[in-house]
Amino acid sequence: MSHLEDVIARVDAAITESVITHMNELLIALSEDTELTREDRYAQQQRLRNAIAHHGKQYKEDQDARHDSLTKGGVIL
């Protein structure tokens, strides 16, 4: 397995796991990876950034839906 294939597998696993901390750690590690070309590194970092952005948006939507559900007909006590 080439280094790029290994990195792609690690990015896939981090995205599947959907833990922001792990995705951020991998972003930092990729920034310092001299074995990848600039384009390959950028492509994998973009995948992580998109997953992080989507996760944040999904979290906000879930929180809003939960709040709406809890406050139907009144306020949270």
N, C-alpha and C. Protein backbone atom coordinates (compact mmCIF):
# COMPACT_ATOMS: atom_id res chain seq x y z
N MET A 1 0.85 -1.17 0.00
CA MET A 1 0.00 0.00 0.00
C MET A 1 0.90 1.24 0.00
N SER A 2 0.61 2.17 -0.89
CA SER A 2 1.41 3.40 -0.97
C SER A 2 1.05 4.32 0.19
N HIS A 3 1.90 5.30 0.39
CA HIS A 3 1.65 6.26 1.48
C HIS A 3 0.34 7.01 1.24
N LEU A 4 0.09 7.40 -0.02
CA LEU A 4 -1.15 8.11 -0.34
C LEU A 4 -2.37 7.24 -0.03
N GLU A 5 -2.31 5.97 -0.40
CA GLU A 5 -3.43 5.07 -0.11
C GLU A 5 -3.64 4.94 1.39
N ASP A 6 -2.54 4.89 2.15
CA ASP A 6 -2.63 4.83 3.61
C ASP A 6 -3.29 6.08 4.16
N VAL A 7 -2.91 7.23 3.66
CA VAL A 7 -3.49 8.50 4.11
C VAL A 7 -4.98 8.55 3.77
N ILE A 8 -5.33 8.14 2.56
CA ILE A 8 -6.74 8.13 2.16
C ILE A 8 -7.54 7.22 3.08
N ALA A 9 -7.00 6.07 3.43
CA ALA A 9 -7.68 5.15 4.35
C ALA A 9 -7.85 5.77 5.73
N ARG A 10 -6.82 6.48 6.20
CA ARG A 10 -6.92 7.15 7.50
C ARG A 10 -7.95 8.26 7.48
N VAL A 11 -8.01 9.01 6.39
CA VAL A 11 -9.01 10.08 6.26
C VAL A 11 -10.40 9.47 6.20
N ASP A 12 -10.57 8.41 5.42
CA ASP A 12 -11.87 7.71 5.35
C ASP A 12 -12.31 7.26 6.74
N ALA A 13 -11.39 6.68 7.50
CA ALA A 13 -11.72 6.19 8.84
C ALA A 13 -12.10 7.34 9.76
N ALA A 14 -11.37 8.45 9.68
CA ALA A 14 -11.67 9.61 10.54
C ALA A 14 -13.04 10.19 10.19
N ILE A 15 -13.36 10.25 8.90
CA ILE A 15 -14.66 10.78 8.48
C ILE A 15 -15.78 9.84 8.93
N THR A 16 -15.57 8.55 8.79
CA THR A 16 -16.57 7.57 9.23
C THR A 16 -16.78 7.64 10.73
N GLU A 17 -15.69 7.79 11.47
CA GLU A 17 -15.76 7.88 12.93
C GLU A 17 -16.49 9.15 13.37
N SER A 18 -16.34 10.22 12.59
CA SER A 18 -17.04 11.49 12.82
C SER A 18 -16.74 12.11 14.18
N VAL A 19 -15.47 12.05 14.59
CA VAL A 19 -15.02 12.69 15.83
C VAL A 19 -14.16 13.87 15.43
N ILE A 20 -14.64 15.07 15.74
CA ILE A 20 -13.97 16.30 15.31
C ILE A 20 -12.52 16.34 15.78
N THR A 21 -12.25 15.94 17.00
CA THR A 21 -10.89 15.98 17.53
C THR A 21 -9.95 15.16 16.67
N HIS A 22 -10.36 13.97 16.29
CA HIS A 22 -9.52 13.10 15.47
C HIS A 22 -9.31 13.67 14.07
N MET A 23 -10.36 14.28 13.53
CA MET A 23 -10.23 14.89 12.21
C MET A 23 -9.27 16.08 12.26
N ASN A 24 -9.35 16.88 13.32
CA ASN A 24 -8.43 18.02 13.46
C ASN A 24 -6.98 17.54 13.64
N GLU A 25 -6.78 16.50 14.42
CA GLU A 25 -5.43 15.96 14.60
C GLU A 25 -4.86 15.48 13.27
N LEU A 26 -5.69 14.85 12.46
CA LEU A 26 -5.24 14.37 11.16
C LEU A 26 -4.95 15.55 10.22
N LEU A 27 -5.75 16.60 10.31
CA LEU A 27 -5.47 17.80 9.52
C LEU A 27 -4.08 18.35 9.82
N ILE A 28 -3.75 18.41 11.09
CA ILE A 28 -2.43 18.90 11.50
C ILE A 28 -1.34 17.96 11.00
N ALA A 29 -1.55 16.67 11.15
CA ALA A 29 -0.55 15.70 10.71
C ALA A 29 -0.32 15.81 9.20
N LEU A 30 -1.39 16.02 8.45
CA LEU A 30 -1.25 16.16 7.00
C LEU A 30 -0.48 17.42 6.63
N SER A 31 -0.63 18.47 7.42
CA SER A 31 0.10 19.72 7.15
C SER A 31 1.60 19.51 7.19
N GLU A 32 2.03 18.55 7.98
CA GLU A 32 3.45 18.30 8.16
C GLU A 32 3.96 17.10 7.37
N ASP A 33 3.10 16.50 6.56
CA ASP A 33 3.47 15.30 5.80
C ASP A 33 4.22 15.68 4.53
N THR A 34 5.51 15.43 4.53
CA THR A 34 6.35 15.80 3.38
C THR A 34 6.38 14.72 2.30
N GLU A 35 5.80 13.56 2.58
CA GLU A 35 5.79 12.48 1.59
C GLU A 35 4.70 12.66 0.53
N LEU A 36 3.72 13.48 0.82
CA LEU A 36 2.63 13.72 -0.13
C LEU A 36 2.94 14.94 -0.99
N THR A 37 2.39 14.94 -2.18
CA THR A 37 2.49 16.16 -2.99
C THR A 37 1.55 17.20 -2.40
N ARG A 38 1.79 18.43 -2.76
CA ARG A 38 0.95 19.51 -2.25
C ARG A 38 -0.51 19.28 -2.63
N GLU A 39 -0.75 18.83 -3.85
CA GLU A 39 -2.11 18.60 -4.33
C GLU A 39 -2.80 17.47 -3.58
N ASP A 40 -2.07 16.38 -3.36
CA ASP A 40 -2.65 15.25 -2.62
C ASP A 40 -2.96 15.64 -1.18
N ARG A 41 -2.04 16.36 -0.57
CA ARG A 41 -2.25 16.80 0.81
C ARG A 41 -3.48 17.71 0.88
N TYR A 42 -3.56 18.66 -0.04
CA TYR A 42 -4.69 19.59 -0.07
C TYR A 42 -6.01 18.84 -0.26
N ALA A 43 -6.04 17.88 -1.17
CA ALA A 43 -7.27 17.13 -1.44
C ALA A 43 -7.76 16.41 -0.19
N GLN A 44 -6.86 15.78 0.54
CA GLN A 44 -7.26 15.05 1.75
C GLN A 44 -7.67 16.02 2.87
N GLN A 45 -6.97 17.14 2.96
CA GLN A 45 -7.34 18.13 3.97
C GLN A 45 -8.72 18.71 3.67
N GLN A 46 -9.02 18.93 2.39
CA GLN A 46 -10.33 19.44 2.02
C GLN A 46 -11.44 18.46 2.38
N ARG A 47 -11.18 17.19 2.19
CA ARG A 47 -12.17 16.17 2.58
C ARG A 47 -12.46 16.27 4.06
N LEU A 48 -11.40 16.44 4.86
CA LEU A 48 -11.58 16.56 6.30
C LEU A 48 -12.30 17.85 6.66
N ARG A 49 -11.92 18.95 6.04
CA ARG A 49 -12.58 20.23 6.32
C ARG A 49 -14.07 20.17 5.99
N ASN A 50 -14.40 19.56 4.86
CA ASN A 50 -15.81 19.42 4.49
C ASN A 50 -16.57 18.57 5.49
N ALA A 51 -15.96 17.49 5.95
CA ALA A 51 -16.61 16.62 6.94
C ALA A 51 -16.82 17.36 8.25
N ILE A 52 -15.82 18.16 8.66
CA ILE A 52 -15.94 18.93 9.90
C ILE A 52 -17.06 19.96 9.76
N ALA A 53 -17.11 20.65 8.64
CA ALA A 53 -18.16 21.66 8.42
C ALA A 53 -19.54 21.01 8.41
N HIS A 54 -19.65 19.86 7.75
CA HIS A 54 -20.93 19.15 7.71
C HIS A 54 -21.33 18.69 9.10
N HIS A 55 -20.36 18.20 9.87
CA HIS A 55 -20.63 17.74 11.23
C HIS A 55 -21.17 18.89 12.08
N GLY A 56 -20.55 20.06 11.97
CA GLY A 56 -20.99 21.22 12.73
C GLY A 56 -22.38 21.65 12.35
N LYS A 57 -22.67 21.65 11.05
CA LYS A 57 -24.01 22.01 10.58
C LYS A 57 -25.04 21.00 11.07
N GLN A 58 -24.71 19.72 10.98
CA GLN A 58 -25.63 18.67 11.42
C GLN A 58 -25.88 18.78 12.92
N TYR A 59 -24.84 19.06 13.70
CA TYR A 59 -24.97 19.20 15.15
C TYR A 59 -25.92 20.35 15.48
N LYS A 60 -25.75 21.49 14.79
CA LYS A 60 -26.60 22.65 15.02
C LYS A 60 -28.04 22.33 14.68
N GLU A 61 -28.26 21.66 13.55
CA GLU A 61 -29.62 21.29 13.16
C GLU A 61 -30.25 20.34 14.18
N ASP A 62 -29.47 19.38 14.67
CA ASP A 62 -29.98 18.45 15.67
C ASP A 62 -30.34 19.18 16.97
N GLN A 63 -29.49 20.12 17.38
CA GLN A 63 -29.75 20.88 18.61
C GLN A 63 -31.01 21.73 18.45
N ASP A 64 -31.16 22.37 17.29
CA ASP A 64 -32.35 23.18 17.04
C ASP A 64 -33.61 22.33 17.05
N ALA A 65 -33.56 21.16 16.42
CA ALA A 65 -34.71 20.26 16.39
C ALA A 65 -35.04 19.77 17.80
N ARG A 66 -34.01 19.48 18.58
CA ARG A 66 -34.23 19.03 19.96
C ARG A 66 -34.88 20.14 20.78
N HIS A 67 -34.39 21.36 20.61
CA HIS A 67 -34.94 22.50 21.33
C HIS A 67 -36.40 22.71 20.95
N ASP A 68 -36.70 22.65 19.64
CA ASP A 68 -38.08 22.80 19.18
C ASP A 68 -38.98 21.73 19.76
N SER A 69 -38.47 20.50 19.81
CA SER A 69 -39.24 19.39 20.35
C SER A 69 -39.53 19.58 21.84
N LEU A 70 -38.55 20.05 22.56
CA LEU A 70 -38.71 20.23 24.01
C LEU A 70 -39.56 21.43 24.37
N THR A 71 -39.64 22.41 23.50
CA THR A 71 -40.38 23.63 23.83
C THR A 71 -41.75 23.70 23.18
N LYS A 72 -42.19 22.62 22.56
CA LYS A 72 -43.53 22.63 21.96
C LYS A 72 -44.55 22.88 23.06
N GLY A 73 -45.34 23.91 22.84
CA GLY A 73 -46.40 24.20 23.79
C GLY A 73 -45.92 24.85 25.08
N GLY A 74 -44.72 25.30 25.15
CA GLY A 74 -44.23 25.94 26.37
C GLY A 74 -42.76 26.20 26.33
N VAL A 75 -42.18 26.33 27.48
CA VAL A 75 -40.74 26.58 27.59
C VAL A 75 -40.11 25.46 28.38
N ILE A 76 -38.82 25.32 28.25
CA ILE A 76 -38.09 24.33 29.01
C ILE A 76 -38.00 24.80 30.46
N LEU A 77 -38.40 23.94 31.36
CA LEU A 77 -38.36 24.30 32.78
C LEU A 77 -37.14 23.74 33.44
